[in-house]
């Protein structure tokens, strides 16, 4: 990771500290500049608006996940096992931000613009995960896979927010349950062709 990206990631982490402290609705790029003593013009160069911080946070988490996996090992695993590892690793990387994310979800759950932006960002993440996991089969169902993985993540995210165990056992069970259901669904759909 280059120096510029490192600096940007540090700013994103500082932004999330501020969001956790003051809430999303009271957060702004100007307030981040004032609170963390960062020049406003530098922040405005990095982020067009505060939603960009959430999108770039998601990218930062994806980079952390990808940096920890062994692509060669993934070639020998099942797609389900690979996706399970990627999703659980993502939750592990999100753990330090759990309180902030919990508050954020409560604040934006009725905000269409924010939700749409986060949805598109996550769909990109999951398309990347499906590619890395060797889940692309170049068939008619490929376009459904990222939205299905988003659904699995969404259901599991709700469990993860309340999972206080170090092993994340409830979250693991939820991810495994929905991955198995989606695997069965895809097999049933394929049988119609």
N, C-alpha and C. Protein backbone atom coordinates (compact mmCIF):
# COMPACT_ATOMS: atom_id res chain seq x y z
N UNK A 1 0.84 -1.19 0.00
CA UNK A 1 0.00 0.00 0.00
C UNK A 1 0.88 1.25 0.00
N UNK A 2 0.58 2.22 -0.86
CA UNK A 2 1.43 3.40 -0.94
C UNK A 2 1.14 4.39 0.19
N UNK A 3 2.04 5.37 0.30
CA UNK A 3 1.97 6.34 1.40
C UNK A 3 0.66 7.13 1.36
N UNK A 4 0.23 7.52 0.15
CA UNK A 4 -1.01 8.29 -0.01
C UNK A 4 -2.22 7.49 0.47
N UNK A 5 -2.27 6.20 0.11
CA UNK A 5 -3.38 5.35 0.53
C UNK A 5 -3.36 5.14 2.04
N UNK A 6 -2.17 4.98 2.61
CA UNK A 6 -2.04 4.85 4.07
C UNK A 6 -2.61 6.06 4.78
N UNK A 7 -2.28 7.23 4.26
CA UNK A 7 -2.76 8.48 4.86
C UNK A 7 -4.28 8.57 4.76
N UNK A 8 -4.80 8.20 3.59
CA UNK A 8 -6.26 8.23 3.38
C UNK A 8 -6.95 7.27 4.36
N UNK A 9 -6.39 6.08 4.52
CA UNK A 9 -6.98 5.10 5.44
C UNK A 9 -6.97 5.60 6.88
N UNK A 10 -5.91 6.30 7.26
CA UNK A 10 -5.83 6.88 8.61
C UNK A 10 -6.93 7.92 8.81
N UNK A 11 -7.19 8.71 7.78
CA UNK A 11 -8.25 9.72 7.85
C UNK A 11 -9.62 9.05 7.97
N UNK A 12 -9.82 7.96 7.22
CA UNK A 12 -11.08 7.21 7.29
C UNK A 12 -11.30 6.69 8.71
N UNK A 13 -10.25 6.16 9.33
CA UNK A 13 -10.35 5.66 10.71
C UNK A 13 -10.68 6.79 11.68
N UNK A 14 -10.08 7.96 11.45
CA UNK A 14 -10.38 9.12 12.30
C UNK A 14 -11.84 9.56 12.11
N UNK A 15 -12.31 9.50 10.86
CA UNK A 15 -13.70 9.84 10.58
C UNK A 15 -14.65 8.91 11.32
N UNK A 16 -14.32 7.63 11.33
CA UNK A 16 -15.18 6.66 12.02
C UNK A 16 -15.17 6.86 13.53
N UNK A 17 -14.06 7.31 14.08
CA UNK A 17 -14.02 7.66 15.51
C UNK A 17 -14.99 8.80 15.80
N UNK A 18 -15.00 9.78 14.90
CA UNK A 18 -15.88 10.94 15.06
C UNK A 18 -17.35 10.56 14.87
N UNK A 19 -17.62 9.68 13.91
CA UNK A 19 -18.99 9.21 13.68
C UNK A 19 -19.48 8.45 14.91
N UNK A 20 -18.62 7.62 15.48
CA UNK A 20 -18.99 6.87 16.69
C UNK A 20 -19.30 7.81 17.85
N UNK A 21 -18.53 8.88 17.95
CA UNK A 21 -18.69 9.83 19.05
C UNK A 21 -19.92 10.73 18.88
N UNK A 22 -20.11 11.28 17.66
CA UNK A 22 -21.15 12.29 17.46
C UNK A 22 -22.35 11.83 16.64
N UNK A 23 -22.22 10.69 15.98
CA UNK A 23 -23.31 10.22 15.12
C UNK A 23 -23.13 10.66 13.67
N UNK A 24 -23.78 9.94 12.76
CA UNK A 24 -23.66 10.19 11.32
C UNK A 24 -24.29 11.52 10.93
N UNK A 25 -25.45 11.82 11.48
CA UNK A 25 -26.18 13.02 11.05
C UNK A 25 -25.44 14.30 11.42
N UNK A 26 -24.69 14.26 12.51
CA UNK A 26 -23.94 15.45 12.93
C UNK A 26 -22.51 15.46 12.37
N UNK A 27 -22.17 14.41 11.65
CA UNK A 27 -20.83 14.33 11.07
C UNK A 27 -20.78 15.06 9.74
N UNK A 28 -19.68 15.74 9.49
CA UNK A 28 -19.45 16.38 8.19
C UNK A 28 -17.94 16.43 7.94
N UNK A 29 -17.58 16.65 6.70
CA UNK A 29 -16.16 16.75 6.36
C UNK A 29 -15.56 17.98 7.04
N UNK A 30 -16.33 19.05 7.15
CA UNK A 30 -15.86 20.25 7.85
C UNK A 30 -15.59 19.94 9.32
N UNK A 31 -16.49 19.21 9.96
CA UNK A 31 -16.29 18.86 11.38
C UNK A 31 -15.08 17.94 11.57
N UNK A 32 -14.87 17.05 10.61
CA UNK A 32 -13.69 16.18 10.65
C UNK A 32 -12.43 17.04 10.57
N UNK A 33 -12.45 18.04 9.70
CA UNK A 33 -11.32 18.95 9.55
C UNK A 33 -11.04 19.70 10.86
N UNK A 34 -12.09 20.21 11.47
CA UNK A 34 -11.94 20.98 12.72
C UNK A 34 -11.47 20.10 13.88
N UNK A 35 -12.12 18.96 14.03
CA UNK A 35 -11.85 18.09 15.18
C UNK A 35 -10.47 17.44 15.11
N UNK A 36 -10.09 16.99 13.92
CA UNK A 36 -8.83 16.25 13.76
C UNK A 36 -7.69 17.12 13.23
N UNK A 37 -7.97 18.43 13.08
CA UNK A 37 -6.93 19.38 12.65
C UNK A 37 -6.30 18.98 11.30
N UNK A 38 -7.18 18.69 10.35
CA UNK A 38 -6.75 18.36 8.98
C UNK A 38 -7.29 19.47 8.07
N UNK A 39 -6.45 19.96 7.18
CA UNK A 39 -6.90 21.04 6.30
C UNK A 39 -8.10 20.60 5.47
N UNK A 40 -9.12 21.46 5.45
CA UNK A 40 -10.36 21.14 4.75
C UNK A 40 -10.11 20.86 3.27
N UNK A 41 -9.25 21.64 2.63
CA UNK A 41 -9.00 21.44 1.19
C UNK A 41 -8.40 20.06 0.92
N UNK A 42 -7.60 19.55 1.85
CA UNK A 42 -7.03 18.21 1.69
C UNK A 42 -8.11 17.14 1.78
N UNK A 43 -9.04 17.33 2.71
CA UNK A 43 -10.16 16.38 2.85
C UNK A 43 -11.07 16.44 1.64
N UNK A 44 -11.35 17.64 1.15
CA UNK A 44 -12.24 17.79 -0.01
C UNK A 44 -11.60 17.24 -1.28
N UNK A 45 -10.28 17.18 -1.31
CA UNK A 45 -9.58 16.56 -2.44
C UNK A 45 -9.78 15.04 -2.41
N UNK A 46 -9.79 14.46 -1.21
CA UNK A 46 -9.93 13.01 -1.05
C UNK A 46 -11.37 12.53 -1.14
N UNK A 47 -12.31 13.34 -0.62
CA UNK A 47 -13.71 12.92 -0.52
C UNK A 47 -14.63 14.02 -1.06
N UNK A 48 -15.48 13.67 -2.02
CA UNK A 48 -16.44 14.64 -2.56
C UNK A 48 -17.51 14.99 -1.54
N UNK A 49 -17.88 14.00 -0.75
CA UNK A 49 -18.90 14.20 0.28
C UNK A 49 -18.71 13.14 1.37
N UNK A 50 -19.50 13.21 2.41
CA UNK A 50 -19.27 12.30 3.54
C UNK A 50 -19.61 10.84 3.20
N UNK A 51 -20.47 10.63 2.21
CA UNK A 51 -20.78 9.26 1.79
C UNK A 51 -19.56 8.57 1.18
N UNK A 52 -18.69 9.37 0.56
CA UNK A 52 -17.45 8.80 0.00
C UNK A 52 -16.60 8.14 1.09
N UNK A 53 -16.69 8.67 2.30
CA UNK A 53 -15.91 8.10 3.40
C UNK A 53 -16.39 6.68 3.70
N UNK A 54 -17.70 6.46 3.66
CA UNK A 54 -18.24 5.11 3.90
C UNK A 54 -17.84 4.18 2.76
N UNK A 55 -17.94 4.65 1.52
CA UNK A 55 -17.56 3.81 0.38
C UNK A 55 -16.07 3.46 0.43
N UNK A 56 -15.25 4.44 0.78
CA UNK A 56 -13.81 4.18 0.86
C UNK A 56 -13.45 3.33 2.08
N UNK A 57 -14.26 3.41 3.12
CA UNK A 57 -14.09 2.53 4.28
C UNK A 57 -14.30 1.08 3.84
N UNK A 58 -15.34 0.85 3.05
CA UNK A 58 -15.63 -0.49 2.55
C UNK A 58 -14.48 -1.02 1.70
N UNK A 59 -13.92 -0.16 0.85
CA UNK A 59 -12.76 -0.55 0.02
C UNK A 59 -11.56 -0.88 0.90
N UNK A 60 -11.35 -0.06 1.93
CA UNK A 60 -10.23 -0.28 2.86
C UNK A 60 -10.34 -1.65 3.53
N UNK A 61 -11.56 -1.99 3.96
CA UNK A 61 -11.79 -3.30 4.61
C UNK A 61 -11.53 -4.42 3.60
N UNK A 62 -12.00 -4.26 2.37
CA UNK A 62 -11.76 -5.27 1.33
C UNK A 62 -10.26 -5.49 1.10
N UNK A 63 -9.51 -4.40 1.06
CA UNK A 63 -8.05 -4.50 0.87
C UNK A 63 -7.41 -5.28 2.02
N UNK A 64 -7.88 -5.03 3.23
CA UNK A 64 -7.35 -5.75 4.40
C UNK A 64 -7.67 -7.24 4.30
N UNK A 65 -8.88 -7.55 3.85
CA UNK A 65 -9.30 -8.95 3.69
C UNK A 65 -8.43 -9.63 2.64
N UNK A 66 -8.34 -9.02 1.47
CA UNK A 66 -7.60 -9.62 0.35
C UNK A 66 -6.12 -9.81 0.69
N UNK A 67 -5.57 -8.90 1.48
CA UNK A 67 -4.14 -9.00 1.83
C UNK A 67 -3.84 -10.21 2.72
N UNK A 68 -4.87 -10.79 3.32
CA UNK A 68 -4.65 -11.90 4.26
C UNK A 68 -4.97 -13.28 3.69
N UNK A 69 -5.46 -13.33 2.46
CA UNK A 69 -5.83 -14.64 1.91
C UNK A 69 -4.74 -15.19 1.01
N UNK A 70 -4.77 -16.50 0.83
CA UNK A 70 -3.83 -17.19 -0.04
C UNK A 70 -4.59 -17.63 -1.30
N UNK A 71 -4.38 -16.89 -2.38
CA UNK A 71 -5.10 -17.16 -3.64
C UNK A 71 -4.83 -18.58 -4.13
N UNK A 72 -3.60 -19.05 -3.97
CA UNK A 72 -3.25 -20.41 -4.41
C UNK A 72 -4.05 -21.46 -3.64
N UNK A 73 -4.19 -21.24 -2.34
CA UNK A 73 -4.96 -22.16 -1.50
C UNK A 73 -6.43 -22.17 -1.91
N UNK A 74 -6.92 -20.99 -2.31
CA UNK A 74 -8.32 -20.87 -2.72
C UNK A 74 -8.63 -21.73 -3.95
N UNK A 75 -7.62 -21.98 -4.77
CA UNK A 75 -7.83 -22.79 -5.98
C UNK A 75 -8.20 -24.23 -5.64
N UNK A 76 -7.80 -24.68 -4.46
CA UNK A 76 -8.06 -26.07 -4.04
C UNK A 76 -9.30 -26.21 -3.15
N UNK A 77 -9.89 -25.09 -2.76
CA UNK A 77 -11.06 -25.12 -1.87
C UNK A 77 -12.35 -25.02 -2.67
N UNK A 78 -13.45 -25.38 -2.02
CA UNK A 78 -14.76 -25.18 -2.66
C UNK A 78 -15.10 -23.69 -2.63
N UNK A 79 -15.96 -23.28 -3.54
CA UNK A 79 -16.40 -21.88 -3.60
C UNK A 79 -17.05 -21.50 -2.27
N UNK A 80 -17.87 -22.40 -1.75
CA UNK A 80 -18.56 -22.12 -0.47
C UNK A 80 -17.55 -21.87 0.65
N UNK A 81 -16.52 -22.71 0.75
CA UNK A 81 -15.50 -22.54 1.79
C UNK A 81 -14.76 -21.22 1.62
N UNK A 82 -14.47 -20.87 0.37
CA UNK A 82 -13.76 -19.61 0.11
C UNK A 82 -14.62 -18.41 0.50
N UNK A 83 -15.89 -18.45 0.11
CA UNK A 83 -16.79 -17.34 0.45
C UNK A 83 -16.98 -17.23 1.96
N UNK A 84 -17.08 -18.38 2.61
CA UNK A 84 -17.21 -18.39 4.08
C UNK A 84 -15.99 -17.69 4.70
N UNK A 85 -14.81 -18.05 4.23
CA UNK A 85 -13.58 -17.44 4.77
C UNK A 85 -13.54 -15.94 4.52
N UNK A 86 -13.92 -15.52 3.32
CA UNK A 86 -13.90 -14.09 2.97
C UNK A 86 -14.89 -13.29 3.81
N UNK A 87 -16.10 -13.80 3.94
CA UNK A 87 -17.13 -13.07 4.71
C UNK A 87 -16.75 -13.00 6.18
N UNK A 88 -16.27 -14.11 6.74
CA UNK A 88 -15.88 -14.11 8.15
C UNK A 88 -14.66 -13.21 8.39
N UNK A 89 -13.74 -13.20 7.45
CA UNK A 89 -12.58 -12.32 7.57
C UNK A 89 -13.00 -10.85 7.52
N UNK A 90 -14.02 -10.58 6.69
CA UNK A 90 -14.54 -9.21 6.62
C UNK A 90 -15.14 -8.80 7.97
N UNK A 91 -15.91 -9.69 8.58
CA UNK A 91 -16.47 -9.38 9.90
C UNK A 91 -15.36 -9.17 10.93
N UNK A 92 -14.32 -9.97 10.83
CA UNK A 92 -13.18 -9.82 11.75
C UNK A 92 -12.54 -8.44 11.60
N UNK A 93 -12.39 -7.99 10.37
CA UNK A 93 -11.79 -6.68 10.11
C UNK A 93 -12.72 -5.54 10.54
N UNK A 94 -14.02 -5.80 10.54
CA UNK A 94 -15.00 -4.78 10.95
C UNK A 94 -15.14 -4.68 12.47
N UNK A 95 -14.64 -5.67 13.18
CA UNK A 95 -14.84 -5.75 14.64
C UNK A 95 -14.48 -4.46 15.38
N UNK A 96 -13.34 -3.80 15.09
CA UNK A 96 -13.02 -2.57 15.82
C UNK A 96 -14.03 -1.43 15.59
N UNK A 97 -14.84 -1.56 14.53
CA UNK A 97 -15.79 -0.50 14.17
C UNK A 97 -17.24 -0.91 14.49
N UNK A 98 -17.41 -1.97 15.24
CA UNK A 98 -18.75 -2.54 15.46
C UNK A 98 -19.72 -1.53 16.07
N UNK A 99 -19.28 -0.84 17.12
CA UNK A 99 -20.17 0.12 17.79
C UNK A 99 -20.56 1.24 16.83
N UNK A 100 -19.59 1.74 16.09
CA UNK A 100 -19.85 2.80 15.12
C UNK A 100 -20.83 2.32 14.05
N UNK A 101 -20.61 1.12 13.53
CA UNK A 101 -21.47 0.57 12.48
C UNK A 101 -22.89 0.33 12.99
N UNK A 102 -23.00 -0.12 14.22
CA UNK A 102 -24.32 -0.34 14.83
C UNK A 102 -25.09 0.98 14.90
N UNK A 103 -24.42 2.03 15.36
CA UNK A 103 -25.05 3.36 15.43
C UNK A 103 -25.39 3.88 14.04
N UNK A 104 -24.48 3.67 13.12
CA UNK A 104 -24.65 4.13 11.74
C UNK A 104 -25.88 3.49 11.10
N UNK A 105 -26.03 2.19 11.29
CA UNK A 105 -27.18 1.46 10.74
C UNK A 105 -28.49 2.04 11.27
N UNK A 106 -28.53 2.33 12.56
CA UNK A 106 -29.74 2.90 13.17
C UNK A 106 -30.06 4.27 12.58
N UNK A 107 -29.03 5.04 12.31
CA UNK A 107 -29.24 6.41 11.82
C UNK A 107 -29.64 6.47 10.35
N UNK A 108 -29.15 5.53 9.55
CA UNK A 108 -29.40 5.65 8.10
C UNK A 108 -30.43 4.65 7.57
N UNK A 109 -31.03 3.85 8.44
CA UNK A 109 -31.90 2.78 7.93
C UNK A 109 -33.11 3.28 7.13
N UNK A 110 -33.48 4.56 7.30
CA UNK A 110 -34.58 5.11 6.51
C UNK A 110 -34.11 6.16 5.50
N UNK A 111 -32.80 6.26 5.32
CA UNK A 111 -32.23 7.25 4.40
C UNK A 111 -31.91 6.58 3.06
N UNK A 112 -32.78 6.80 2.08
CA UNK A 112 -32.68 6.11 0.79
C UNK A 112 -31.34 6.35 0.10
N UNK A 113 -30.90 7.62 0.06
CA UNK A 113 -29.66 7.96 -0.65
C UNK A 113 -28.45 7.25 -0.06
N UNK A 114 -28.34 7.30 1.26
CA UNK A 114 -27.22 6.66 1.95
C UNK A 114 -27.24 5.15 1.74
N UNK A 115 -28.42 4.55 1.89
CA UNK A 115 -28.54 3.10 1.75
C UNK A 115 -28.19 2.64 0.34
N UNK A 116 -28.66 3.38 -0.64
CA UNK A 116 -28.38 3.04 -2.04
C UNK A 116 -26.87 3.09 -2.32
N UNK A 117 -26.22 4.12 -1.81
CA UNK A 117 -24.78 4.27 -2.00
C UNK A 117 -24.01 3.12 -1.36
N UNK A 118 -24.40 2.75 -0.14
CA UNK A 118 -23.74 1.65 0.57
C UNK A 118 -24.01 0.32 -0.14
N UNK A 119 -25.24 0.14 -0.62
CA UNK A 119 -25.61 -1.09 -1.33
C UNK A 119 -24.72 -1.28 -2.56
N UNK A 120 -24.57 -0.25 -3.38
CA UNK A 120 -23.74 -0.36 -4.59
C UNK A 120 -22.29 -0.67 -4.24
N UNK A 121 -21.81 -0.05 -3.18
CA UNK A 121 -20.44 -0.28 -2.73
C UNK A 121 -20.24 -1.73 -2.29
N UNK A 122 -21.21 -2.26 -1.55
CA UNK A 122 -21.11 -3.64 -1.07
C UNK A 122 -21.27 -4.65 -2.21
N UNK A 123 -22.13 -4.35 -3.17
CA UNK A 123 -22.28 -5.26 -4.32
C UNK A 123 -20.94 -5.39 -5.06
N UNK A 124 -20.20 -4.27 -5.18
CA UNK A 124 -18.86 -4.32 -5.80
C UNK A 124 -17.93 -5.21 -4.98
N UNK A 125 -18.00 -5.06 -3.66
CA UNK A 125 -17.17 -5.89 -2.77
C UNK A 125 -17.47 -7.36 -2.98
N UNK A 126 -18.74 -7.69 -3.06
CA UNK A 126 -19.11 -9.10 -3.15
C UNK A 126 -18.85 -9.67 -4.53
N UNK A 127 -18.90 -8.83 -5.55
CA UNK A 127 -18.51 -9.29 -6.88
C UNK A 127 -17.02 -9.66 -6.87
N UNK A 128 -16.22 -8.84 -6.19
CA UNK A 128 -14.79 -9.14 -6.02
C UNK A 128 -14.60 -10.45 -5.27
N UNK A 129 -15.35 -10.64 -4.18
CA UNK A 129 -15.25 -11.86 -3.38
C UNK A 129 -15.60 -13.10 -4.20
N UNK A 130 -16.63 -12.99 -5.03
CA UNK A 130 -17.05 -14.13 -5.87
C UNK A 130 -15.96 -14.47 -6.89
N UNK A 131 -15.35 -13.44 -7.46
CA UNK A 131 -14.24 -13.67 -8.40
C UNK A 131 -13.07 -14.34 -7.70
N UNK A 132 -12.66 -13.82 -6.56
CA UNK A 132 -11.53 -14.37 -5.80
C UNK A 132 -11.80 -15.82 -5.37
N UNK A 133 -13.05 -16.09 -5.03
CA UNK A 133 -13.41 -17.43 -4.52
C UNK A 133 -13.58 -18.46 -5.63
N UNK A 134 -13.37 -18.03 -6.89
CA UNK A 134 -13.57 -18.89 -8.07
C UNK A 134 -15.04 -19.25 -8.27
N UNK A 135 -15.91 -18.31 -7.89
CA UNK A 135 -17.34 -18.55 -7.98
C UNK A 135 -17.98 -18.15 -9.29
N UNK A 136 -17.21 -17.50 -10.18
CA UNK A 136 -17.76 -17.12 -11.48
C UNK A 136 -17.72 -18.33 -12.41
N UNK A 137 -18.87 -18.68 -12.96
CA UNK A 137 -18.92 -19.86 -13.83
C UNK A 137 -19.27 -19.50 -15.28
N UNK A 138 -19.34 -18.20 -15.56
CA UNK A 138 -19.63 -17.70 -16.92
C UNK A 138 -20.95 -18.26 -17.45
N UNK A 139 -21.93 -18.34 -16.56
CA UNK A 139 -23.25 -18.76 -17.00
C UNK A 139 -24.26 -17.66 -16.68
N UNK A 140 -25.52 -17.95 -16.97
CA UNK A 140 -26.59 -16.97 -16.82
C UNK A 140 -26.79 -16.55 -15.36
N UNK A 141 -26.32 -17.35 -14.42
CA UNK A 141 -26.54 -17.06 -13.00
C UNK A 141 -25.47 -16.17 -12.37
N UNK A 142 -24.42 -15.87 -13.10
CA UNK A 142 -23.33 -15.05 -12.54
C UNK A 142 -23.83 -13.70 -12.03
N UNK A 143 -24.77 -13.09 -12.77
CA UNK A 143 -25.24 -11.75 -12.38
C UNK A 143 -26.03 -11.78 -11.07
N UNK A 144 -26.53 -12.96 -10.68
CA UNK A 144 -27.30 -13.08 -9.43
C UNK A 144 -26.42 -13.28 -8.20
N UNK A 145 -25.18 -13.68 -8.42
CA UNK A 145 -24.34 -14.13 -7.30
C UNK A 145 -23.98 -13.02 -6.33
N UNK A 146 -23.63 -11.83 -6.83
CA UNK A 146 -23.29 -10.72 -5.92
C UNK A 146 -24.50 -10.28 -5.10
N UNK A 147 -25.69 -10.12 -5.70
CA UNK A 147 -26.85 -9.77 -4.88
C UNK A 147 -27.21 -10.86 -3.85
N UNK A 148 -27.03 -12.14 -4.22
CA UNK A 148 -27.29 -13.23 -3.27
C UNK A 148 -26.30 -13.16 -2.11
N UNK A 149 -25.03 -12.91 -2.43
CA UNK A 149 -24.02 -12.79 -1.37
C UNK A 149 -24.30 -11.57 -0.50
N UNK A 150 -24.80 -10.49 -1.11
CA UNK A 150 -25.19 -9.32 -0.32
C UNK A 150 -26.29 -9.70 0.67
N UNK A 151 -27.28 -10.46 0.21
CA UNK A 151 -28.38 -10.90 1.09
C UNK A 151 -27.83 -11.73 2.26
N UNK A 152 -26.92 -12.66 1.96
CA UNK A 152 -26.29 -13.50 2.99
C UNK A 152 -25.56 -12.61 4.00
N UNK A 153 -24.83 -11.65 3.46
CA UNK A 153 -24.06 -10.73 4.32
C UNK A 153 -25.00 -9.90 5.19
N UNK A 154 -26.07 -9.40 4.60
CA UNK A 154 -27.05 -8.58 5.32
C UNK A 154 -27.65 -9.35 6.49
N UNK A 155 -28.08 -10.59 6.22
CA UNK A 155 -28.67 -11.43 7.28
C UNK A 155 -27.64 -11.71 8.37
N UNK A 156 -26.41 -12.00 7.96
CA UNK A 156 -25.34 -12.34 8.91
C UNK A 156 -24.87 -11.11 9.68
N UNK A 157 -24.89 -9.95 9.02
CA UNK A 157 -24.47 -8.70 9.65
C UNK A 157 -25.35 -8.39 10.87
N UNK A 158 -26.64 -8.64 10.73
CA UNK A 158 -27.57 -8.40 11.84
C UNK A 158 -27.23 -9.28 13.04
N UNK A 159 -26.84 -10.52 12.77
CA UNK A 159 -26.43 -11.44 13.84
C UNK A 159 -25.09 -10.98 14.43
N UNK A 160 -24.16 -10.61 13.55
CA UNK A 160 -22.82 -10.18 13.98
C UNK A 160 -22.88 -8.99 14.93
N UNK A 161 -23.77 -8.04 14.66
CA UNK A 161 -23.88 -6.86 15.52
C UNK A 161 -24.17 -7.23 16.97
N UNK A 162 -24.86 -8.35 17.18
CA UNK A 162 -25.21 -8.78 18.54
C UNK A 162 -24.37 -9.96 19.04
N UNK A 163 -23.39 -10.35 18.25
CA UNK A 163 -22.54 -11.50 18.60
C UNK A 163 -21.33 -11.00 19.40
N UNK A 164 -21.34 -11.28 20.70
CA UNK A 164 -20.26 -10.78 21.57
C UNK A 164 -19.17 -11.84 21.80
N UNK A 165 -19.35 -13.03 21.22
CA UNK A 165 -18.35 -14.09 21.43
C UNK A 165 -17.09 -13.81 20.63
N UNK A 166 -15.95 -14.16 21.22
CA UNK A 166 -14.65 -13.93 20.56
C UNK A 166 -14.55 -14.73 19.26
N UNK A 167 -15.14 -15.93 19.25
CA UNK A 167 -15.07 -16.82 18.08
C UNK A 167 -16.10 -16.45 17.01
N UNK A 168 -17.02 -15.54 17.35
CA UNK A 168 -18.12 -15.16 16.45
C UNK A 168 -18.92 -16.39 16.02
N UNK A 169 -19.20 -17.27 16.97
CA UNK A 169 -19.84 -18.55 16.66
C UNK A 169 -21.25 -18.39 16.07
N UNK A 170 -22.03 -17.45 16.60
CA UNK A 170 -23.38 -17.23 16.06
C UNK A 170 -23.31 -16.71 14.62
N UNK A 171 -22.36 -15.83 14.39
CA UNK A 171 -22.18 -15.26 13.04
C UNK A 171 -21.73 -16.35 12.07
N UNK A 172 -20.78 -17.18 12.50
CA UNK A 172 -20.30 -18.28 11.66
C UNK A 172 -21.44 -19.21 11.26
N UNK A 173 -22.28 -19.53 12.24
CA UNK A 173 -23.42 -20.43 11.98
C UNK A 173 -24.38 -19.80 10.98
N UNK A 174 -24.61 -18.50 11.11
CA UNK A 174 -25.54 -17.79 10.21
C UNK A 174 -24.98 -17.74 8.79
N UNK A 175 -23.71 -17.41 8.66
CA UNK A 175 -23.07 -17.36 7.33
C UNK A 175 -23.13 -18.73 6.67
N UNK A 176 -22.77 -19.77 7.43
CA UNK A 176 -22.78 -21.14 6.90
C UNK A 176 -24.19 -21.56 6.47
N UNK A 177 -25.17 -21.23 7.30
CA UNK A 177 -26.57 -21.58 7.00
C UNK A 177 -27.02 -20.98 5.66
N UNK A 178 -26.76 -19.67 5.48
CA UNK A 178 -27.23 -19.00 4.27
C UNK A 178 -26.41 -19.36 3.04
N UNK A 179 -25.12 -19.63 3.23
CA UNK A 179 -24.31 -20.10 2.09
C UNK A 179 -24.80 -21.46 1.61
N UNK A 180 -25.15 -22.34 2.55
CA UNK A 180 -25.67 -23.67 2.19
C UNK A 180 -27.00 -23.54 1.46
N UNK A 181 -27.88 -22.66 1.96
CA UNK A 181 -29.18 -22.47 1.31
C UNK A 181 -29.02 -21.91 -0.10
N UNK A 182 -28.10 -20.96 -0.26
CA UNK A 182 -27.90 -20.37 -1.59
C UNK A 182 -27.28 -21.37 -2.55
N UNK A 183 -26.38 -22.21 -2.03
CA UNK A 183 -25.76 -23.26 -2.86
C UNK A 183 -26.83 -24.22 -3.38
N UNK A 184 -27.75 -24.61 -2.51
CA UNK A 184 -28.85 -25.50 -2.90
C UNK A 184 -29.77 -24.83 -3.92
N UNK A 185 -30.02 -23.54 -3.71
CA UNK A 185 -30.88 -22.79 -4.63
C UNK A 185 -30.27 -22.73 -6.03
N UNK A 186 -28.98 -22.42 -6.10
CA UNK A 186 -28.29 -22.34 -7.40
C UNK A 186 -28.33 -23.69 -8.10
N UNK A 187 -28.11 -24.78 -7.35
CA UNK A 187 -28.16 -26.13 -7.95
C UNK A 187 -29.54 -26.44 -8.50
N UNK A 188 -30.59 -26.04 -7.76
CA UNK A 188 -31.96 -26.27 -8.23
C UNK A 188 -32.23 -25.47 -9.51
N UNK A 189 -31.77 -24.21 -9.52
CA UNK A 189 -31.97 -23.38 -10.71
C UNK A 189 -31.26 -23.96 -11.93
N UNK A 190 -30.06 -24.48 -11.71
CA UNK A 190 -29.28 -25.07 -12.81
C UNK A 190 -29.97 -26.30 -13.39
N UNK A 191 -30.72 -27.00 -12.57
CA UNK A 191 -31.38 -28.23 -13.03
C UNK A 191 -32.49 -27.93 -14.05
N UNK A 192 -32.93 -26.65 -14.11
CA UNK A 192 -33.98 -26.28 -15.06
C UNK A 192 -33.42 -26.03 -16.46
N UNK A 193 -32.10 -25.91 -16.56
CA UNK A 193 -31.51 -25.61 -17.88
C UNK A 193 -31.19 -26.90 -18.61
